[in-house]
Amino acid sequence: MYHTAALSTDNLAKEYFGDQGMLGYVAGVQRKEIRQGIACVKHQNMAGSDMWDDHKEYFSGEAALKAAGKDNTESVLILVGD
């Protein structure tokens, strides 16, 4: 596990901080997670963001900045360039 994590992290860093930028993450990680049905692509919900969003909305109303809001990364997952 250590070696595969190190290799994938190194590859992602080269792409993300290289010419591809965010597309390096989308193409190299996110699309593969989606296609393989890996649950961690929906990590915000898995981490309980919706529960904390309920608390934020209770105290701040509609002005609350929500992790699970309409503009979060999970809501805008698009397979760009497929």
PDB file of N, CA and C in Angstrom:
ATOM      1  N   MET A   1       0.805  -1.197   0.000  1.00  0.00           N
ATOM      2  CA  MET A   1       0.000   0.000   0.000  1.00  0.00           C
ATOM      3  C   MET A   1       0.852   1.267   0.000  1.00  0.00           C
ATOM      4  N   TYR A   2       1.891   1.270   0.778  1.00  0.00           N
ATOM      5  CA  TYR A   2       2.734   2.458   0.882  1.00  0.00           C
ATOM      6  C   TYR A   2       3.267   2.870  -0.483  1.00  0.00           C
ATOM      7  N   HIS A   3       3.777   1.896  -1.230  1.00  0.00           N
ATOM      8  CA  HIS A   3       4.398   2.209  -2.515  1.00  0.00           C
ATOM      9  C   HIS A   3       3.375   2.673  -3.548  1.00  0.00           C
ATOM     10  N   THR A   4       2.193   2.047  -3.575  1.00  0.00           N
ATOM     11  CA  THR A   4       1.175   2.490  -4.527  1.00  0.00           C
ATOM     12  C   THR A   4       0.653   3.879  -4.171  1.00  0.00           C
ATOM     13  N   ALA A   5       0.523   4.175  -2.888  1.00  0.00           N
ATOM     14  CA  ALA A   5       0.095   5.514  -2.468  1.00  0.00           C
ATOM     15  C   ALA A   5       1.152   6.555  -2.842  1.00  0.00           C
ATOM     16  N   ALA A   6       2.418   6.214  -2.638  1.00  0.00           N
ATOM     17  CA  ALA A   6       3.496   7.143  -2.969  1.00  0.00           C
ATOM     18  C   ALA A   6       3.545   7.399  -4.471  1.00  0.00           C
ATOM     19  N   LEU A   7       3.410   6.342  -5.262  1.00  0.00           N
ATOM     20  CA  LEU A   7       3.449   6.481  -6.714  1.00  0.00           C
ATOM     21  C   LEU A   7       2.281   7.315  -7.226  1.00  0.00           C
ATOM     22  N   SER A   8       1.065   7.014  -6.752  1.00  0.00           N
ATOM     23  CA  SER A   8      -0.093   7.767  -7.227  1.00  0.00           C
ATOM     24  C   SER A   8      -0.039   9.230  -6.786  1.00  0.00           C
ATOM     25  N   THR A   9       0.472   9.486  -5.589  1.00  0.00           N
ATOM     26  CA  THR A   9       0.614  10.860  -5.108  1.00  0.00           C
ATOM     27  C   THR A   9       1.629  11.618  -5.947  1.00  0.00           C
ATOM     28  N   ASP A  10       2.733  10.978  -6.274  1.00  0.00           N
ATOM     29  CA  ASP A  10       3.762  11.610  -7.099  1.00  0.00           C
ATOM     30  C   ASP A  10       3.225  11.918  -8.494  1.00  0.00           C
ATOM     31  N   ASN A  11       2.529  10.959  -9.090  1.00  0.00           N
ATOM     32  CA  ASN A  11       1.955  11.179 -10.424  1.00  0.00           C
ATOM     33  C   ASN A  11       0.936  12.305 -10.415  1.00  0.00           C
ATOM     34  N   LEU A  12       0.066  12.322  -9.411  1.00  0.00           N
ATOM     35  CA  LEU A  12      -0.934  13.379  -9.314  1.00  0.00           C
ATOM     36  C   LEU A  12      -0.269  14.742  -9.137  1.00  0.00           C
ATOM     37  N   ALA A  13       0.731  14.823  -8.286  1.00  0.00           N
ATOM     38  CA  ALA A  13       1.411  16.097  -8.053  1.00  0.00           C
ATOM     39  C   ALA A  13       2.061  16.625  -9.327  1.00  0.00           C
ATOM     40  N   LYS A  14       2.669  15.744 -10.107  1.00  0.00           N
ATOM     41  CA  LYS A  14       3.312  16.166 -11.363  1.00  0.00           C
ATOM     42  C   LYS A  14       2.282  16.703 -12.348  1.00  0.00           C
ATOM     43  N   GLU A  15       1.125  16.048 -12.422  1.00  0.00           N
ATOM     44  CA  GLU A  15       0.082  16.492 -13.348  1.00  0.00           C
ATOM     45  C   GLU A  15      -0.608  17.761 -12.842  1.00  0.00           C
ATOM     46  N   TYR A  16      -0.981  17.764 -11.557  1.00  0.00           N
ATOM     47  CA  TYR A  16      -1.720  18.887 -10.978  1.00  0.00           C
ATOM     48  C   TYR A  16      -0.907  20.170 -10.988  1.00  0.00           C
ATOM     49  N   PHE A  17       0.369  20.072 -10.618  1.00  0.00           N
ATOM     50  CA  PHE A  17       1.221  21.266 -10.586  1.00  0.00           C
ATOM     51  C   PHE A  17       1.965  21.474 -11.892  1.00  0.00           C
ATOM     52  N   GLY A  18       1.708  20.618 -12.864  1.00  0.00           N
ATOM     53  CA  GLY A  18       2.305  20.748 -14.189  1.00  0.00           C
ATOM     54  C   GLY A  18       1.345  21.416 -15.148  1.00  0.00           C
ATOM     55  N   ASP A  19       1.414  20.986 -16.400  1.00  0.00           N
ATOM     56  CA  ASP A  19       0.607  21.600 -17.453  1.00  0.00           C
ATOM     57  C   ASP A  19      -0.891  21.319 -17.341  1.00  0.00           C
ATOM     58  N   GLN A  20      -1.255  20.176 -16.754  1.00  0.00           N
ATOM     59  CA  GLN A  20      -2.664  19.803 -16.736  1.00  0.00           C
ATOM     60  C   GLN A  20      -3.480  20.520 -15.666  1.00  0.00           C
ATOM     61  N   GLY A  21      -2.868  20.915 -14.582  1.00  0.00           N
ATOM     62  CA  GLY A  21      -3.602  21.578 -13.508  1.00  0.00           C
ATOM     63  C   GLY A  21      -4.694  20.679 -12.949  1.00  0.00           C
ATOM     64  N   MET A  22      -5.856  21.240 -12.701  1.00  0.00           N
ATOM     65  CA  MET A  22      -6.960  20.492 -12.112  1.00  0.00           C
ATOM     66  C   MET A  22      -7.402  19.321 -12.990  1.00  0.00           C
ATOM     67  N   LEU A  23      -7.230  19.440 -14.301  1.00  0.00           N
ATOM     68  CA  LEU A  23      -7.577  18.341 -15.196  1.00  0.00           C
ATOM     69  C   LEU A  23      -6.748  17.092 -14.876  1.00  0.00           C
ATOM     70  N   GLY A  24      -5.540  17.278 -14.344  1.00  0.00           N
ATOM     71  CA  GLY A  24      -4.730  16.140 -13.922  1.00  0.00           C
ATOM     72  C   GLY A  24      -5.432  15.332 -12.844  1.00  0.00           C
ATOM     73  N   TYR A  25      -6.101  16.006 -11.936  1.00  0.00           N
ATOM     74  CA  TYR A  25      -6.877  15.330 -10.888  1.00  0.00           C
ATOM     75  C   TYR A  25      -8.132  14.704 -11.477  1.00  0.00           C
ATOM     76  N   VAL A  26      -8.847  15.473 -12.284  1.00  0.00           N
ATOM     77  CA  VAL A  26     -10.104  14.985 -12.852  1.00  0.00           C
ATOM     78  C   VAL A  26      -9.865  13.741 -13.705  1.00  0.00           C
ATOM     79  N   ALA A  27      -8.889  13.815 -14.608  1.00  0.00           N
ATOM     80  CA  ALA A  27      -8.629  12.696 -15.516  1.00  0.00           C
ATOM     81  C   ALA A  27      -7.943  11.532 -14.815  1.00  0.00           C
ATOM     82  N   GLY A  28      -7.028  11.832 -13.927  1.00  0.00           N
ATOM     83  CA  GLY A  28      -6.232  10.782 -13.310  1.00  0.00           C
ATOM     84  C   GLY A  28      -6.856  10.125 -12.098  1.00  0.00           C
ATOM     85  N   VAL A  29      -7.793  10.807 -11.446  1.00  0.00           N
ATOM     86  CA  VAL A  29      -8.359  10.275 -10.208  1.00  0.00           C
ATOM     87  C   VAL A  29      -9.886  10.249 -10.253  1.00  0.00           C
ATOM     88  N   GLN A  30     -10.491  11.424 -10.376  1.00  0.00           N
ATOM     89  CA  GLN A  30     -11.937  11.543 -10.197  1.00  0.00           C
ATOM     90  C   GLN A  30     -12.735  10.709 -11.198  1.00  0.00           C
ATOM     91  N   ARG A  31     -12.383  10.755 -12.466  1.00  0.00           N
ATOM     92  CA  ARG A  31     -13.115   9.970 -13.470  1.00  0.00           C
ATOM     93  C   ARG A  31     -13.020   8.475 -13.172  1.00  0.00           C
ATOM     94  N   LYS A  32     -11.846   8.042 -12.768  1.00  0.00           N
ATOM     95  CA  LYS A  32     -11.654   6.622 -12.458  1.00  0.00           C
ATOM     96  C   LYS A  32     -12.487   6.218 -11.241  1.00  0.00           C
ATOM     97  N   GLU A  33     -12.551   7.082 -10.240  1.00  0.00           N
ATOM     98  CA  GLU A  33     -13.377   6.797  -9.063  1.00  0.00           C
ATOM     99  C   GLU A  33     -14.843   6.654  -9.465  1.00  0.00           C
ATOM    100  N   ILE A  34     -15.313   7.559 -10.307  1.00  0.00           N
ATOM    101  CA  ILE A  34     -16.709   7.536 -10.745  1.00  0.00           C
ATOM    102  C   ILE A  34     -16.996   6.274 -11.546  1.00  0.00           C
ATOM    103  N   ARG A  35     -16.147   5.975 -12.514  1.00  0.00           N
ATOM    104  CA  ARG A  35     -16.362   4.808 -13.374  1.00  0.00           C
ATOM    105  C   ARG A  35     -16.308   3.496 -12.610  1.00  0.00           C
ATOM    106  N   GLN A  36     -15.476   3.447 -11.581  1.00  0.00           N
ATOM    107  CA  GLN A  36     -15.351   2.213 -10.809  1.00  0.00           C
ATOM    108  C   GLN A  36     -16.316   2.164  -9.631  1.00  0.00           C
ATOM    109  N   GLY A  37     -17.126   3.200  -9.479  1.00  0.00           N
ATOM    110  CA  GLY A  37     -18.128   3.221  -8.417  1.00  0.00           C
ATOM    111  C   GLY A  37     -17.526   3.290  -7.027  1.00  0.00           C
ATOM    112  N   ILE A  38     -16.391   3.944  -6.894  1.00  0.00           N
ATOM    113  CA  ILE A  38     -15.727   4.058  -5.601  1.00  0.00           C
ATOM    114  C   ILE A  38     -16.433   5.135  -4.778  1.00  0.00           C
ATOM    115  N   ALA A  39     -16.859   4.756  -3.597  1.00  0.00           N
ATOM    116  CA  ALA A  39     -17.704   5.626  -2.769  1.00  0.00           C
ATOM    117  C   ALA A  39     -17.017   6.914  -2.338  1.00  0.00           C
ATOM    118  N   CYS A  40     -15.704   6.929  -2.239  1.00  0.00           N
ATOM    119  CA  CYS A  40     -15.031   8.120  -1.702  1.00  0.00           C
ATOM    120  C   CYS A  40     -15.184   9.343  -2.586  1.00  0.00           C
ATOM    121  N   VAL A  41     -15.647   9.178  -3.812  1.00  0.00           N
ATOM    122  CA  VAL A  41     -15.880  10.340  -4.664  1.00  0.00           C
ATOM    123  C   VAL A  41     -16.959  11.233  -4.048  1.00  0.00           C
ATOM    124  N   LYS A  42     -17.800  10.652  -3.204  1.00  0.00           N
ATOM    125  CA  LYS A  42     -18.839  11.405  -2.483  1.00  0.00           C
ATOM    126  C   LYS A  42     -18.402  11.621  -1.036  1.00  0.00           C
ATOM    127  N   HIS A  43     -17.161  11.990  -0.847  1.00  0.00           N
ATOM    128  CA  HIS A  43     -16.582  12.084   0.495  1.00  0.00           C
ATOM    129  C   HIS A  43     -17.228  13.144   1.378  1.00  0.00           C
ATOM    130  N   GLN A  44     -17.792  14.180   0.801  1.00  0.00           N
ATOM    131  CA  GLN A  44     -18.379  15.228   1.646  1.00  0.00           C
ATOM    132  C   GLN A  44     -19.537  14.671   2.459  1.00  0.00           C
ATOM    133  N   ASN A  45     -20.385  13.894   1.827  1.00  0.00           N
ATOM    134  CA  ASN A  45     -21.500  13.287   2.542  1.00  0.00           C
ATOM    135  C   ASN A  45     -20.994  12.230   3.518  1.00  0.00           C
ATOM    136  N   MET A  46     -19.989  11.468   3.112  1.00  0.00           N
ATOM    137  CA  MET A  46     -19.442  10.423   3.979  1.00  0.00           C
ATOM    138  C   MET A  46     -18.833  11.017   5.249  1.00  0.00           C
ATOM    139  N   ALA A  47     -18.338  12.228   5.156  1.00  0.00           N
ATOM    140  CA  ALA A  47     -17.705  12.881   6.306  1.00  0.00           C
ATOM    141  C   ALA A  47     -18.706  13.595   7.205  1.00  0.00           C
ATOM    142  N   GLY A  48     -19.972  13.556   6.838  1.00  0.00           N
ATOM    143  CA  GLY A  48     -20.999  14.162   7.676  1.00  0.00           C
ATOM    144  C   GLY A  48     -21.262  15.625   7.384  1.00  0.00           C
ATOM    145  N   SER A  49     -20.838  16.092   6.216  1.00  0.00           N
ATOM    146  CA  SER A  49     -21.042  17.498   5.870  1.00  0.00           C
ATOM    147  C   SER A  49     -22.501  17.906   5.917  1.00  0.00           C
ATOM    148  N   ASP A  50     -23.379  16.989   5.527  1.00  0.00           N
ATOM    149  CA  ASP A  50     -24.802  17.337   5.535  1.00  0.00           C
ATOM    150  C   ASP A  50     -25.298  17.618   6.952  1.00  0.00           C
ATOM    151  N   MET A  51     -24.779  16.891   7.924  1.00  0.00           N
ATOM    152  CA  MET A  51     -25.179  17.122   9.312  1.00  0.00           C
ATOM    153  C   MET A  51     -24.721  18.513   9.773  1.00  0.00           C
ATOM    154  N   TRP A  52     -23.482  18.867   9.451  1.00  0.00           N
ATOM    155  CA  TRP A  52     -22.964  20.179   9.851  1.00  0.00           C
ATOM    156  C   TRP A  52     -23.646  21.292   9.075  1.00  0.00           C
ATOM    157  N   ASP A  53     -24.014  21.012   7.828  1.00  0.00           N
ATOM    158  CA  ASP A  53     -24.755  22.000   7.052  1.00  0.00           C
ATOM    159  C   ASP A  53     -26.092  22.330   7.712  1.00  0.00           C
ATOM    160  N   ASP A  54     -26.743  21.310   8.255  1.00  0.00           N
ATOM    161  CA  ASP A  54     -28.007  21.547   8.963  1.00  0.00           C
ATOM    162  C   ASP A  54     -27.804  22.488  10.145  1.00  0.00           C
ATOM    163  N   HIS A  55     -26.716  22.288  10.875  1.00  0.00           N
ATOM    164  CA  HIS A  55     -26.406  23.162  12.015  1.00  0.00           C
ATOM    165  C   HIS A  55     -26.121  24.592  11.533  1.00  0.00           C
ATOM    166  N   LYS A  56     -25.324  24.720  10.481  1.00  0.00           N
ATOM    167  CA  LYS A  56     -24.991  26.057   9.963  1.00  0.00           C
ATOM    168  C   LYS A  56     -26.246  26.781   9.486  1.00  0.00           C
ATOM    169  N   GLU A  57     -27.121  26.045   8.807  1.00  0.00           N
ATOM    170  CA  GLU A  57     -28.341  26.671   8.307  1.00  0.00           C
ATOM    171  C   GLU A  57     -29.258  27.083   9.456  1.00  0.00           C
ATOM    172  N   TYR A  58     -29.298  26.289  10.502  1.00  0.00           N
ATOM    173  CA  TYR A  58     -30.120  26.624  11.663  1.00  0.00           C
ATOM    174  C   TYR A  58     -29.697  27.969  12.251  1.00  0.00           C
ATOM    175  N   PHE A  59     -28.382  28.177  12.353  1.00  0.00           N
ATOM    176  CA  PHE A  59     -27.877  29.400  12.982  1.00  0.00           C
ATOM    177  C   PHE A  59     -27.732  30.571  12.015  1.00  0.00           C
ATOM    178  N   SER A  60     -27.453  30.296  10.737  1.00  0.00           N
ATOM    179  CA  SER A  60     -27.192  31.385   9.787  1.00  0.00           C
ATOM    180  C   SER A  60     -28.270  31.543   8.724  1.00  0.00           C
ATOM    181  N   GLY A  61     -29.217  30.632   8.678  1.00  0.00           N
ATOM    182  CA  GLY A  61     -30.269  30.715   7.675  1.00  0.00           C
ATOM    183  C   GLY A  61     -29.733  30.450   6.281  1.00  0.00           C
ATOM    184  N   GLU A  62     -30.365  31.066   5.317  1.00  0.00           N
ATOM    185  CA  GLU A  62     -29.983  30.859   3.915  1.00  0.00           C
ATOM    186  C   GLU A  62     -28.586  31.386   3.586  1.00  0.00           C
ATOM    187  N   ALA A  63     -28.022  32.219   4.433  1.00  0.00           N
ATOM    188  CA  ALA A  63     -26.687  32.770   4.194  1.00  0.00           C
ATOM    189  C   ALA A  63     -25.575  31.780   4.541  1.00  0.00           C
ATOM    190  N   ALA A  64     -25.939  30.634   5.092  1.00  0.00           N
ATOM    191  CA  ALA A  64     -24.945  29.644   5.517  1.00  0.00           C
ATOM    192  C   ALA A  64     -24.160  29.123   4.318  1.00  0.00           C
ATOM    193  N   LEU A  65     -22.854  29.050   4.460  1.00  0.00           N
ATOM    194  CA  LEU A  65     -21.987  28.472   3.441  1.00  0.00           C
ATOM    195  C   LEU A  65     -21.948  26.966   3.685  1.00  0.00           C
ATOM    196  N   LYS A  66     -22.577  26.218   2.811  1.00  0.00           N
ATOM    197  CA  LYS A  66     -22.744  24.787   3.025  1.00  0.00           C
ATOM    198  C   LYS A  66     -21.767  23.976   2.191  1.00  0.00           C
ATOM    199  N   ALA A  67     -21.189  22.955   2.808  1.00  0.00           N
ATOM    200  CA  ALA A  67     -20.288  22.054   2.092  1.00  0.00           C
ATOM    201  C   ALA A  67     -21.051  21.248   1.051  1.00  0.00           C
ATOM    202  N   ALA A  68     -22.287  20.938   1.333  1.00  0.00           N
ATOM    203  CA  ALA A  68     -23.097  20.134   0.428  1.00  0.00           C
ATOM    204  C   ALA A  68     -24.033  20.999  -0.408  1.00  0.00           C
ATOM    205  N   GLY A  69     -23.706  22.257  -0.564  1.00  0.00           N
ATOM    206  CA  GLY A  69     -24.553  23.166  -1.333  1.00  0.00           C
ATOM    207  C   GLY A  69     -24.541  22.875  -2.812  1.00  0.00           C
ATOM    208  N   LYS A  70     -25.328  23.631  -3.553  1.00  0.00           N
ATOM    209  CA  LYS A  70     -25.492  23.372  -4.984  1.00  0.00           C
ATOM    210  C   LYS A  70     -24.210  23.550  -5.780  1.00  0.00           C
ATOM    211  N   ASP A  71     -23.242  24.306  -5.277  1.00  0.00           N
ATOM    212  CA  ASP A  71     -22.011  24.565  -6.017  1.00  0.00           C
ATOM    213  C   ASP A  71     -20.824  23.749  -5.530  1.00  0.00           C
ATOM    214  N   ASN A  72     -21.045  22.737  -4.719  1.00  0.00           N
ATOM    215  CA  ASN A  72     -19.918  21.960  -4.223  1.00  0.00           C
ATOM    216  C   ASN A  72     -19.388  21.036  -5.316  1.00  0.00           C
ATOM    217  N   THR A  73     -18.240  20.454  -5.074  1.00  0.00           N
ATOM    218  CA  THR A  73     -17.608  19.623  -6.094  1.00  0.00           C
ATOM    219  C   THR A  73     -18.421  18.380  -6.410  1.00  0.00           C
ATOM    220  N   GLU A  74     -19.137  17.834  -5.442  1.00  0.00           N
ATOM    221  CA  GLU A  74     -19.935  16.648  -5.711  1.00  0.00           C
ATOM    222  C   GLU A  74     -21.122  16.957  -6.620  1.00  0.00           C
ATOM    223  N   SER A  75     -21.656  18.139  -6.530  1.00  0.00           N
ATOM    224  CA  SER A  75     -22.825  18.507  -7.328  1.00  0.00           C
ATOM    225  C   SER A  75     -22.455  18.853  -8.759  1.00  0.00           C
ATOM    226  N   VAL A  76     -21.211  19.170  -8.998  1.00  0.00           N
ATOM    227  CA  VAL A  76     -20.816  19.603 -10.337  1.00  0.00           C
ATOM    228  C   VAL A  76     -19.889  18.592 -11.011  1.00  0.00           C
ATOM    229  N   LEU A  77     -19.927  17.339 -10.554  1.00  0.00           N
ATOM    230  CA  LEU A  77     -19.097  16.307 -11.170  1.00  0.00           C
ATOM    231  C   LEU A  77     -19.534  16.104 -12.612  1.00  0.00           C
ATOM    232  N   ILE A  78     -18.641  16.398 -13.514  1.00  0.00           N
ATOM    233  CA  ILE A  78     -18.912  16.249 -14.940  1.00  0.00           C
ATOM    234  C   ILE A  78     -17.720  15.538 -15.557  1.00  0.00           C
ATOM    235  N   LEU A  79     -17.978  14.593 -16.413  1.00  0.00           N
ATOM    236  CA  LEU A  79     -16.885  13.903 -17.082  1.00  0.00           C
ATOM    237  C   LEU A  79     -16.477  14.719 -18.302  1.00  0.00           C
ATOM    238  N   VAL A  80     -15.751  15.799 -18.064  1.00  0.00           N
ATOM    239  CA  VAL A  80     -15.338  16.726 -19.099  1.00  0.00           C
ATOM    240  C   VAL A  80     -14.338  16.028 -20.018  1.00  0.00           C
ATOM    241  N   GLY A  81     -14.548  16.163 -21.291  1.00  0.00           N
ATOM    242  CA  GLY A  81     -13.593  15.639 -22.250  1.00  0.00           C
ATOM    243  C   GLY A  81     -13.765  14.168 -22.571  1.00  0.00           C
ATOM    244  N   ASP A  82     -14.847  13.563 -22.118  1.00  0.00           N
ATOM    245  CA  ASP A  82     -15.069  12.141 -22.452  1.00  0.00           C
ATOM    246  C   ASP A  82     -15.489  11.997 -23.884  1.00  0.00           C
TER     247      ASP A  82
END
